[in-house]
Structure formats: structure tokens, C-alpha cells
Amino acid sequence: MNVTASVSSWVYVVAALGMPAVVVLAALIPALRSHRLSAARAISAGSVPSGGRG
């Protein structure tokens, strides 16, 4: 039994353009948030251990 799956070419185009768009959006959200902080607050916020158990 020979079964093959066929994928349309538009799926490859959407994947090739969509994955970088997802990466850009994932990086843009924290970048916009950190843009509002001063450099000293951003450094201290990134180096302070989070509260709670761990």
C-alpha cells in the first residue's frame, strides 16, 4: 500500500513567511516593555531572583 501526502505550495510560502513573523512578534513584546524602563531598572529587574520557592 503506497500512501503519499500532497502539500500545496502556498503552505510552504505561509510557513516561510509566518515563522519569522512569529519570532519577530515574540521578541517585540519584551523589547517594547523594556524600552519604557531606564537602563538601571532594566539591569536590576533582570538580575534580581524572582520571589517564591525555587
PDB file of N, CA and C in Angstrom:
ATOM      1  N   MET A   1       0.838  -1.174   0.000  1.00  0.00           N
ATOM      2  CA  MET A   1       0.000   0.000   0.000  1.00  0.00           C
ATOM      3  C   MET A   1       0.890   1.247   0.000  1.00  0.00           C
ATOM      4  N   ASN A   2       0.791   2.058  -1.022  1.00  0.00           N
ATOM      5  CA  ASN A   2       1.606   3.256  -1.165  1.00  0.00           C
ATOM      6  C   ASN A   2       0.726   4.488  -0.934  1.00  0.00           C
ATOM      7  N   VAL A   3       0.946   5.167   0.192  1.00  0.00           N
ATOM      8  CA  VAL A   3       0.152   6.353   0.533  1.00  0.00           C
ATOM      9  C   VAL A   3       1.092   7.551   0.594  1.00  0.00           C
ATOM     10  N   THR A   4       0.770   8.579  -0.162  1.00  0.00           N
ATOM     11  CA  THR A   4       1.581   9.796  -0.134  1.00  0.00           C
ATOM     12  C   THR A   4       0.691  10.980   0.197  1.00  0.00           C
ATOM     13  N   ALA A   5       1.269  11.951   0.890  1.00  0.00           N
ATOM     14  CA  ALA A   5       0.544  13.171   1.235  1.00  0.00           C
ATOM     15  C   ALA A   5       1.051  14.297   0.358  1.00  0.00           C
ATOM     16  N   SER A   6       0.133  15.070  -0.153  1.00  0.00           N
ATOM     17  CA  SER A   6       0.499  16.179  -1.016  1.00  0.00           C
ATOM     18  C   SER A   6       0.220  17.488  -0.281  1.00  0.00           C
ATOM     19  N   VAL A   7       1.200  18.378  -0.314  1.00  0.00           N
ATOM     20  CA  VAL A   7       1.064  19.679   0.330  1.00  0.00           C
ATOM     21  C   VAL A   7       1.144  20.746  -0.749  1.00  0.00           C
ATOM     22  N   SER A   8       0.199  21.655  -0.717  1.00  0.00           N
ATOM     23  CA  SER A   8       0.187  22.726  -1.710  1.00  0.00           C
ATOM     24  C   SER A   8       1.376  23.667  -1.502  1.00  0.00           C
ATOM     25  N   SER A   9       1.763  24.343  -2.547  1.00  0.00           N
ATOM     26  CA  SER A   9       2.916  25.237  -2.459  1.00  0.00           C
ATOM     27  C   SER A   9       2.629  26.459  -1.591  1.00  0.00           C
ATOM     28  N   TRP A  10       1.358  26.863  -1.460  1.00  0.00           N
ATOM     29  CA  TRP A  10       1.057  28.023  -0.625  1.00  0.00           C
ATOM     30  C   TRP A  10       1.330  27.728   0.847  1.00  0.00           C
ATOM     31  N   VAL A  11       1.299  26.475   1.235  1.00  0.00           N
ATOM     32  CA  VAL A  11       1.599  26.109   2.618  1.00  0.00           C
ATOM     33  C   VAL A  11       3.067  26.389   2.919  1.00  0.00           C
ATOM     34  N   TYR A  12       3.941  26.089   1.988  1.00  0.00           N
ATOM     35  CA  TYR A  12       5.357  26.375   2.169  1.00  0.00           C
ATOM     36  C   TYR A  12       5.612  27.880   2.247  1.00  0.00           C
ATOM     37  N   VAL A  13       4.919  28.648   1.435  1.00  0.00           N
ATOM     38  CA  VAL A  13       5.082  30.104   1.447  1.00  0.00           C
ATOM     39  C   VAL A  13       4.595  30.687   2.764  1.00  0.00           C
ATOM     40  N   VAL A  14       3.433  30.233   3.229  1.00  0.00           N
ATOM     41  CA  VAL A  14       2.897  30.726   4.501  1.00  0.00           C
ATOM     42  C   VAL A  14       3.827  30.353   5.651  1.00  0.00           C
ATOM     43  N   ALA A  15       4.372  29.161   5.641  1.00  0.00           N
ATOM     44  CA  ALA A  15       5.290  28.735   6.701  1.00  0.00           C
ATOM     45  C   ALA A  15       6.585  29.536   6.653  1.00  0.00           C
ATOM     46  N   ALA A  16       7.102  29.777   5.448  1.00  0.00           N
ATOM     47  CA  ALA A  16       8.357  30.513   5.311  1.00  0.00           C
ATOM     48  C   ALA A  16       8.205  31.971   5.735  1.00  0.00           C
ATOM     49  N   LEU A  17       7.043  32.558   5.525  1.00  0.00           N
ATOM     50  CA  LEU A  17       6.822  33.939   5.931  1.00  0.00           C
ATOM     51  C   LEU A  17       6.251  34.046   7.345  1.00  0.00           C
ATOM     52  N   GLY A  18       5.530  33.045   7.763  1.00  0.00           N
ATOM     53  CA  GLY A  18       4.864  33.110   9.059  1.00  0.00           C
ATOM     54  C   GLY A  18       5.789  32.857  10.233  1.00  0.00           C
ATOM     55  N   MET A  19       6.724  31.951  10.096  1.00  0.00           N
ATOM     56  CA  MET A  19       7.611  31.648  11.210  1.00  0.00           C
ATOM     57  C   MET A  19       8.487  32.835  11.602  1.00  0.00           C
ATOM     58  N   PRO A  20       9.125  33.541  10.671  1.00  0.00           N
ATOM     59  CA  PRO A  20       9.867  34.738  11.086  1.00  0.00           C
ATOM     60  C   PRO A  20       8.957  35.809  11.693  1.00  0.00           C
ATOM     61  N   ALA A  21       7.725  35.894  11.216  1.00  0.00           N
ATOM     62  CA  ALA A  21       6.787  36.867  11.794  1.00  0.00           C
ATOM     63  C   ALA A  21       6.472  36.514  13.246  1.00  0.00           C
ATOM     64  N   VAL A  22       6.322  35.244  13.546  1.00  0.00           N
ATOM     65  CA  VAL A  22       6.077  34.818  14.924  1.00  0.00           C
ATOM     66  C   VAL A  22       7.283  35.143  15.806  1.00  0.00           C
ATOM     67  N   VAL A  23       8.477  34.915  15.290  1.00  0.00           N
ATOM     68  CA  VAL A  23       9.695  35.209  16.053  1.00  0.00           C
ATOM     69  C   VAL A  23       9.823  36.702  16.322  1.00  0.00           C
ATOM     70  N   VAL A  24       9.539  37.525  15.313  1.00  0.00           N
ATOM     71  CA  VAL A  24       9.615  38.979  15.484  1.00  0.00           C
ATOM     72  C   VAL A  24       8.607  39.446  16.527  1.00  0.00           C
ATOM     73  N   LEU A  25       7.396  38.946  16.465  1.00  0.00           N
ATOM     74  CA  LEU A  25       6.391  39.335  17.453  1.00  0.00           C
ATOM     75  C   LEU A  25       6.773  38.872  18.855  1.00  0.00           C
ATOM     76  N   ALA A  26       7.345  37.689  18.969  1.00  0.00           N
ATOM     77  CA  ALA A  26       7.754  37.185  20.276  1.00  0.00           C
ATOM     78  C   ALA A  26       8.890  38.011  20.865  1.00  0.00           C
ATOM     79  N   ALA A  27       9.748  38.555  20.033  1.00  0.00           N
ATOM     80  CA  ALA A  27      10.834  39.393  20.518  1.00  0.00           C
ATOM     81  C   ALA A  27      10.399  40.839  20.719  1.00  0.00           C
ATOM     82  N   LEU A  28       9.417  41.280  19.978  1.00  0.00           N
ATOM     83  CA  LEU A  28       8.990  42.672  20.034  1.00  0.00           C
ATOM     84  C   LEU A  28       8.266  43.008  21.334  1.00  0.00           C
ATOM     85  N   ILE A  29       7.491  42.082  21.852  1.00  0.00           N
ATOM     86  CA  ILE A  29       6.713  42.358  23.067  1.00  0.00           C
ATOM     87  C   ILE A  29       7.633  42.662  24.252  1.00  0.00           C
ATOM     88  N   PRO A  30       8.629  41.834  24.568  1.00  0.00           N
ATOM     89  CA  PRO A  30       9.525  42.204  25.675  1.00  0.00           C
ATOM     90  C   PRO A  30      10.374  43.436  25.356  1.00  0.00           C
ATOM     91  N   ALA A  31      10.721  43.637  24.090  1.00  0.00           N
ATOM     92  CA  ALA A  31      11.525  44.796  23.731  1.00  0.00           C
ATOM     93  C   ALA A  31      10.758  46.092  23.958  1.00  0.00           C
ATOM     94  N   LEU A  32       9.487  46.096  23.625  1.00  0.00           N
ATOM     95  CA  LEU A  32       8.687  47.296  23.862  1.00  0.00           C
ATOM     96  C   LEU A  32       8.506  47.547  25.351  1.00  0.00           C
ATOM     97  N   ARG A  33       8.379  46.488  26.113  1.00  0.00           N
ATOM     98  CA  ARG A  33       8.245  46.638  27.565  1.00  0.00           C
ATOM     99  C   ARG A  33       9.532  47.186  28.167  1.00  0.00           C
ATOM    100  N   SER A  34      10.670  46.683  27.756  1.00  0.00           N
ATOM    101  CA  SER A  34      11.941  47.129  28.321  1.00  0.00           C
ATOM    102  C   SER A  34      12.322  48.520  27.838  1.00  0.00           C
ATOM    103  N   HIS A  35      11.765  48.942  26.723  1.00  0.00           N
ATOM    104  CA  HIS A  35      12.055  50.278  26.208  1.00  0.00           C
ATOM    105  C   HIS A  35      11.559  51.357  27.165  1.00  0.00           C
ATOM    106  N   ARG A  36      10.515  51.042  27.927  1.00  0.00           N
ATOM    107  CA  ARG A  36       9.956  52.011  28.867  1.00  0.00           C
ATOM    108  C   ARG A  36      10.762  52.108  30.149  1.00  0.00           C
ATOM    109  N   LEU A  37      11.647  51.151  30.439  1.00  0.00           N
ATOM    110  CA  LEU A  37      12.443  51.169  31.657  1.00  0.00           C
ATOM    111  C   LEU A  37      13.749  51.918  31.439  1.00  0.00           C
ATOM    112  N   SER A  38      14.255  52.498  32.522  1.00  0.00           N
ATOM    113  CA  SER A  38      15.595  53.072  32.440  1.00  0.00           C
ATOM    114  C   SER A  38      16.606  51.927  32.419  1.00  0.00           C
ATOM    115  N   ALA A  39      17.833  52.235  32.054  1.00  0.00           N
ATOM    116  CA  ALA A  39      18.851  51.186  31.959  1.00  0.00           C
ATOM    117  C   ALA A  39      19.109  50.555  33.322  1.00  0.00           C
ATOM    118  N   ALA A  40      19.164  51.365  34.364  1.00  0.00           N
ATOM    119  CA  ALA A  40      19.433  50.838  35.708  1.00  0.00           C
ATOM    120  C   ALA A  40      18.303  49.924  36.172  1.00  0.00           C
ATOM    121  N   ARG A  41      17.059  50.302  35.922  1.00  0.00           N
ATOM    122  CA  ARG A  41      15.931  49.457  36.337  1.00  0.00           C
ATOM    123  C   ARG A  41      15.874  48.170  35.515  1.00  0.00           C
ATOM    124  N   ALA A  42      16.204  48.254  34.245  1.00  0.00           N
ATOM    125  CA  ALA A  42      16.189  47.053  33.408  1.00  0.00           C
ATOM    126  C   ALA A  42      17.256  46.062  33.868  1.00  0.00           C
ATOM    127  N   ILE A  43      18.432  46.563  34.216  1.00  0.00           N
ATOM    128  CA  ILE A  43      19.504  45.679  34.681  1.00  0.00           C
ATOM    129  C   ILE A  43      19.130  45.059  36.019  1.00  0.00           C
ATOM    130  N   SER A  44      18.596  45.879  36.929  1.00  0.00           N
ATOM    131  CA  SER A  44      18.243  45.336  38.238  1.00  0.00           C
ATOM    132  C   SER A  44      17.056  44.382  38.143  1.00  0.00           C
ATOM    133  N   ALA A  45      16.114  44.647  37.258  1.00  0.00           N
ATOM    134  CA  ALA A  45      14.970  43.749  37.090  1.00  0.00           C
ATOM    135  C   ALA A  45      15.403  42.421  36.490  1.00  0.00           C
ATOM    136  N   GLY A  46      16.406  42.435  35.655  1.00  0.00           N
ATOM    137  CA  GLY A  46      16.865  41.197  35.024  1.00  0.00           C
ATOM    138  C   GLY A  46      17.804  40.406  35.883  1.00  0.00           C
ATOM    139  N   SER A  47      18.394  41.011  36.910  1.00  0.00           N
ATOM    140  CA  SER A  47      19.385  40.298  37.717  1.00  0.00           C
ATOM    141  C   SER A  47      18.864  39.898  39.095  1.00  0.00           C
ATOM    142  N   VAL A  48      17.701  40.371  39.469  1.00  0.00           N
ATOM    143  CA  VAL A  48      17.138  40.040  40.784  1.00  0.00           C
ATOM    144  C   VAL A  48      16.433  38.690  40.670  1.00  0.00           C
ATOM    145  N   PRO A  49      16.721  37.764  41.587  1.00  0.00           N
ATOM    146  CA  PRO A  49      15.999  36.495  41.534  1.00  0.00           C
ATOM    147  C   PRO A  49      14.527  36.688  41.819  1.00  0.00           C
ATOM    148  N   SER A  50      13.719  35.906  41.156  1.00  0.00           N
ATOM    149  CA  SER A  50      12.288  36.020  41.364  1.00  0.00           C
ATOM    150  C   SER A  50      11.917  35.479  42.742  1.00  0.00           C
ATOM    151  N   GLY A  51      10.849  36.028  43.303  1.00  0.00           N
ATOM    152  CA  GLY A  51      10.411  35.592  44.610  1.00  0.00           C
ATOM    153  C   GLY A  51       9.727  34.243  44.552  1.00  0.00           C
ATOM    154  N   GLY A  52       9.573  33.640  45.688  1.00  0.00           N
ATOM    155  CA  GLY A  52       8.907  32.352  45.748  1.00  0.00           C
ATOM    156  C   GLY A  52       9.887  31.223  45.915  1.00  0.00           C
ATOM    157  N   ARG A  53       9.342  30.037  45.833  1.00  0.00           N
ATOM    158  CA  ARG A  53      10.172  28.849  46.018  1.00  0.00           C
ATOM    159  C   ARG A  53      10.865  28.487  44.718  1.00  0.00           C
ATOM    160  N   GLY A  54      12.034  27.886  44.830  1.00  0.00           N
ATOM    161  CA  GLY A  54      12.696  27.508  43.614  1.00  0.00           C
ATOM    162  C   GLY A  54      13.935  26.820  43.774  1.00  0.00           C
TER     163      GLY A  54
END
